[in-house]
C-alpha atoms as a PDB file:
ATOM      1  CA  UNK A   1       0.335   0.030   0.044  1.00  0.00           C
ATOM      2  CA  UNK A   2       1.268   3.859  -0.818  1.00  0.00           C
ATOM      3  CA  UNK A   3       2.979   6.096   2.253  1.00  0.00           C
ATOM      4  CA  UNK A   4       1.588   9.276   2.140  1.00  0.00           C
ATOM      5  CA  UNK A   5       4.379  11.734   2.586  1.00  0.00           C
ATOM      6  CA  UNK A   6       2.155  14.145   4.173  1.00  0.00           C
ATOM      7  CA  UNK A   7      -0.509  14.542   6.552  1.00  0.00           C
ATOM      8  CA  UNK A   8      -3.617  15.007   5.276  1.00  0.00           C
ATOM      9  CA  UNK A   9      -7.066  17.698   6.521  1.00  0.00           C
ATOM     10  CA  UNK A  10     -10.375  17.017   6.471  1.00  0.00           C
ATOM     11  CA  UNK A  11     -12.312  19.452   4.871  1.00  0.00           C
ATOM     12  CA  UNK A  12     -15.721  20.310   3.186  1.00  0.00           C
ATOM     13  CA  UNK A  13     -14.703  22.528   0.698  1.00  0.00           C
ATOM     14  CA  UNK A  14     -17.290  23.526  -2.632  1.00  0.00           C
ATOM     15  CA  UNK A  15     -13.438  23.298  -5.654  1.00  0.00           C
ATOM     16  CA  UNK A  16     -14.316  23.505  -9.254  1.00  0.00           C
ATOM     17  CA  UNK A  17     -11.752  22.125 -11.396  1.00  0.00           C
ATOM     18  CA  UNK A  18     -11.372  22.685 -15.697  1.00  0.00           C
ATOM     19  CA  UNK A  19      -9.565  20.301 -18.250  1.00  0.00           C
ATOM     20  CA  UNK A  20      -9.954  18.215 -20.739  1.00  0.00           C
ATOM     21  CA  UNK A  21     -13.438  17.405 -19.567  1.00  0.00           C
ATOM     22  CA  UNK A  22     -14.765  21.057 -19.212  1.00  0.00           C
ATOM     23  CA  UNK A  23     -15.687  23.163 -16.540  1.00  0.00           C
ATOM     24  CA  UNK A  24     -16.729  20.928 -12.695  1.00  0.00           C
ATOM     25  CA  UNK A  25     -17.414  21.711  -9.480  1.00  0.00           C
ATOM     26  CA  UNK A  26     -16.822  18.960  -6.484  1.00  0.00           C
ATOM     27  CA  UNK A  27     -16.077  18.817  -2.936  1.00  0.00           C
ATOM     28  CA  UNK A  28     -12.344  18.473  -1.601  1.00  0.00           C
ATOM     29  CA  UNK A  29     -12.307  16.049   1.350  1.00  0.00           C
ATOM     30  CA  UNK A  30      -9.380  16.318   2.155  1.00  0.00           C
ATOM     31  CA  UNK A  31      -6.370  18.027   2.013  1.00  0.00           C
ATOM     32  CA  UNK A  32      -2.601  18.346   2.217  1.00  0.00           C
ATOM     33  CA  UNK A  33       0.111  20.665   0.900  1.00  0.00           C
ATOM     34  CA  UNK A  34       0.916  18.750  -2.043  1.00  0.00           C
ATOM     35  CA  UNK A  35      -2.067  17.354  -3.269  1.00  0.00           C
ATOM     36  CA  UNK A  36      -6.131  16.572  -2.217  1.00  0.00           C
ATOM     37  CA  UNK A  37      -9.063  14.249  -2.453  1.00  0.00           C
ATOM     38  CA  UNK A  38     -12.293  15.661  -4.961  1.00  0.00           C
ATOM     39  CA  UNK A  39     -14.965  13.894  -4.578  1.00  0.00           C
ATOM     40  CA  UNK A  40     -17.485  15.471  -8.042  1.00  0.00           C
ATOM     41  CA  UNK A  41     -20.331  13.787 -10.490  1.00  0.00           C
ATOM     42  CA  UNK A  42     -17.903  13.919 -13.638  1.00  0.00           C
ATOM     43  CA  UNK A  43     -15.731  10.989 -14.128  1.00  0.00           C
ATOM     44  CA  UNK A  44     -11.790  12.092 -14.806  1.00  0.00           C
ATOM     45  CA  UNK A  45      -9.094   9.795 -15.383  1.00  0.00           C
ATOM     46  CA  UNK A  46      -5.316   9.038 -14.117  1.00  0.00           C
ATOM     47  CA  UNK A  47      -3.252  10.990 -15.649  1.00  0.00           C
ATOM     48  CA  UNK A  48      -5.440  13.954 -16.653  1.00  0.00           C
ATOM     49  CA  UNK A  49      -4.212  17.949 -16.211  1.00  0.00           C
ATOM     50  CA  UNK A  50      -6.894  20.219 -14.491  1.00  0.00           C
ATOM     51  CA  UNK A  51      -6.691  23.728 -12.933  1.00  0.00           C
ATOM     52  CA  UNK A  52      -8.567  24.098  -9.509  1.00  0.00           C
ATOM     53  CA  UNK A  53      -9.790  26.493  -7.417  1.00  0.00           C
ATOM     54  CA  UNK A  54     -10.340  25.711  -3.587  1.00  0.00           C
ATOM     55  CA  UNK A  55     -13.374  27.858  -2.143  1.00  0.00           C
ATOM     56  CA  UNK A  56     -12.599  28.426   1.236  1.00  0.00           C
ATOM     57  CA  UNK A  57     -15.640  30.381   3.727  1.00  0.00           C
ATOM     58  CA  UNK A  58     -13.062  32.202   5.494  1.00  0.00           C
ATOM     59  CA  UNK A  59     -11.501  33.309   2.249  1.00  0.00           C
ATOM     60  CA  UNK A  60     -12.227  36.508   0.062  1.00  0.00           C
ATOM     61  CA  UNK A  61     -10.938  34.568  -3.118  1.00  0.00           C
ATOM     62  CA  UNK A  62     -10.892  31.030  -4.235  1.00  0.00           C
ATOM     63  CA  UNK A  63      -7.253  29.599  -4.085  1.00  0.00           C
ATOM     64  CA  UNK A  64      -5.994  28.971  -7.193  1.00  0.00           C
ATOM     65  CA  UNK A  65      -4.149  25.460  -8.051  1.00  0.00           C
ATOM     66  CA  UNK A  66      -2.643  26.240 -11.747  1.00  0.00           C
ATOM     67  CA  UNK A  67      -2.108  22.295 -12.669  1.00  0.00           C
ATOM     68  CA  UNK A  68      -2.728  19.175 -11.321  1.00  0.00           C
ATOM     69  CA  UNK A  69      -1.917  15.445 -12.174  1.00  0.00           C
ATOM     70  CA  UNK A  70      -5.134  12.995 -11.123  1.00  0.00           C
ATOM     71  CA  UNK A  71      -3.107  10.111  -9.576  1.00  0.00           C
ATOM     72  CA  UNK A  72      -5.746   8.283  -8.662  1.00  0.00           C
ATOM     73  CA  UNK A  73      -9.422   7.556  -9.770  1.00  0.00           C
ATOM     74  CA  UNK A  74     -12.924   5.839  -8.161  1.00  0.00           C
ATOM     75  CA  UNK A  75     -15.659   5.692  -8.916  1.00  0.00           C
ATOM     76  CA  UNK A  76     -17.437   9.977  -7.679  1.00  0.00           C
ATOM     77  CA  UNK A  77     -13.785  10.109  -6.141  1.00  0.00           C
ATOM     78  CA  UNK A  78     -10.306  11.432  -7.691  1.00  0.00           C
ATOM     79  CA  UNK A  79      -6.942  12.515  -6.152  1.00  0.00           C
ATOM     80  CA  UNK A  80      -5.183  15.560  -7.243  1.00  0.00           C
ATOM     81  CA  UNK A  81      -0.706  15.883  -6.721  1.00  0.00           C
ATOM     82  CA  UNK A  82      -0.173  19.884  -7.154  1.00  0.00           C
ATOM     83  CA  UNK A  83       2.398  20.425  -9.308  1.00  0.00           C
ATOM     84  CA  UNK A  84       2.218  24.360 -10.581  1.00  0.00           C
ATOM     85  CA  UNK A  85       1.036  26.858  -7.908  1.00  0.00           C
ATOM     86  CA  UNK A  86       1.966  30.643  -7.932  1.00  0.00           C
ATOM     87  CA  UNK A  87       4.438  30.807  -4.810  1.00  0.00           C
ATOM     88  CA  UNK A  88       1.284  33.727  -3.413  1.00  0.00           C
ATOM     89  CA  UNK A  89      -1.588  30.503  -3.727  1.00  0.00           C
ATOM     90  CA  UNK A  90       1.403  27.845  -2.410  1.00  0.00           C
ATOM     91  CA  UNK A  91       1.532  30.154   0.895  1.00  0.00           C
ATOM     92  CA  UNK A  92      -2.217  30.814   0.647  1.00  0.00           C
ATOM     93  CA  UNK A  93      -2.606  27.265   1.340  1.00  0.00           C
ATOM     94  CA  UNK A  94       0.114  26.317   3.642  1.00  0.00           C
ATOM     95  CA  UNK A  95      -1.550  28.802   6.221  1.00  0.00           C
ATOM     96  CA  UNK A  96      -4.895  27.825   5.325  1.00  0.00           C
ATOM     97  CA  UNK A  97      -3.489  23.910   6.450  1.00  0.00           C
ATOM     98  CA  UNK A  98      -1.719  25.281   9.368  1.00  0.00           C
ATOM     99  CA  UNK A  99      -4.892  27.191  10.628  1.00  0.00           C
ATOM    100  CA  UNK A 100      -6.504  23.233   9.735  1.00  0.00           C
ATOM    101  CA  UNK A 101      -4.260  21.192  12.245  1.00  0.00           C
ATOM    102  CA  UNK A 102      -4.871  24.087  15.030  1.00  0.00           C
ATOM    103  CA  UNK A 103      -8.190  24.450  14.617  1.00  0.00           C
ATOM    104  CA  UNK A 104      -8.288  27.930  14.258  1.00  0.00           C
ATOM    105  CA  UNK A 105     -10.541  28.041  11.109  1.00  0.00           C
ATOM    106  CA  UNK A 106     -13.282  25.865  10.228  1.00  0.00           C
ATOM    107  CA  UNK A 107     -13.564  22.753   7.831  1.00  0.00           C
ATOM    108  CA  UNK A 108     -17.100  23.399   6.477  1.00  0.00           C
END
């Protein structure tokens, strides 16, 4: 079984993603600095590249992930590894994860 490199935090955030299947919406259900799990009604193939927008209720603007590769897919769930992010967006993501781990931000 594959060992995850990073501890993931359980969340429930709306997310939109765009790739060769068009633009779709879903729910982000876990998050780490390097990737996340997404639940969506869209079928997404392993190896697909997508861009993501994570809508955190306490943030005015969504967190934008420029490029993420789909690493697994199971039914309506799939996982991605972040491969390209603007440094400012990466900093926002790391700050959010830190707050979640400390219990300072709501997961819903």
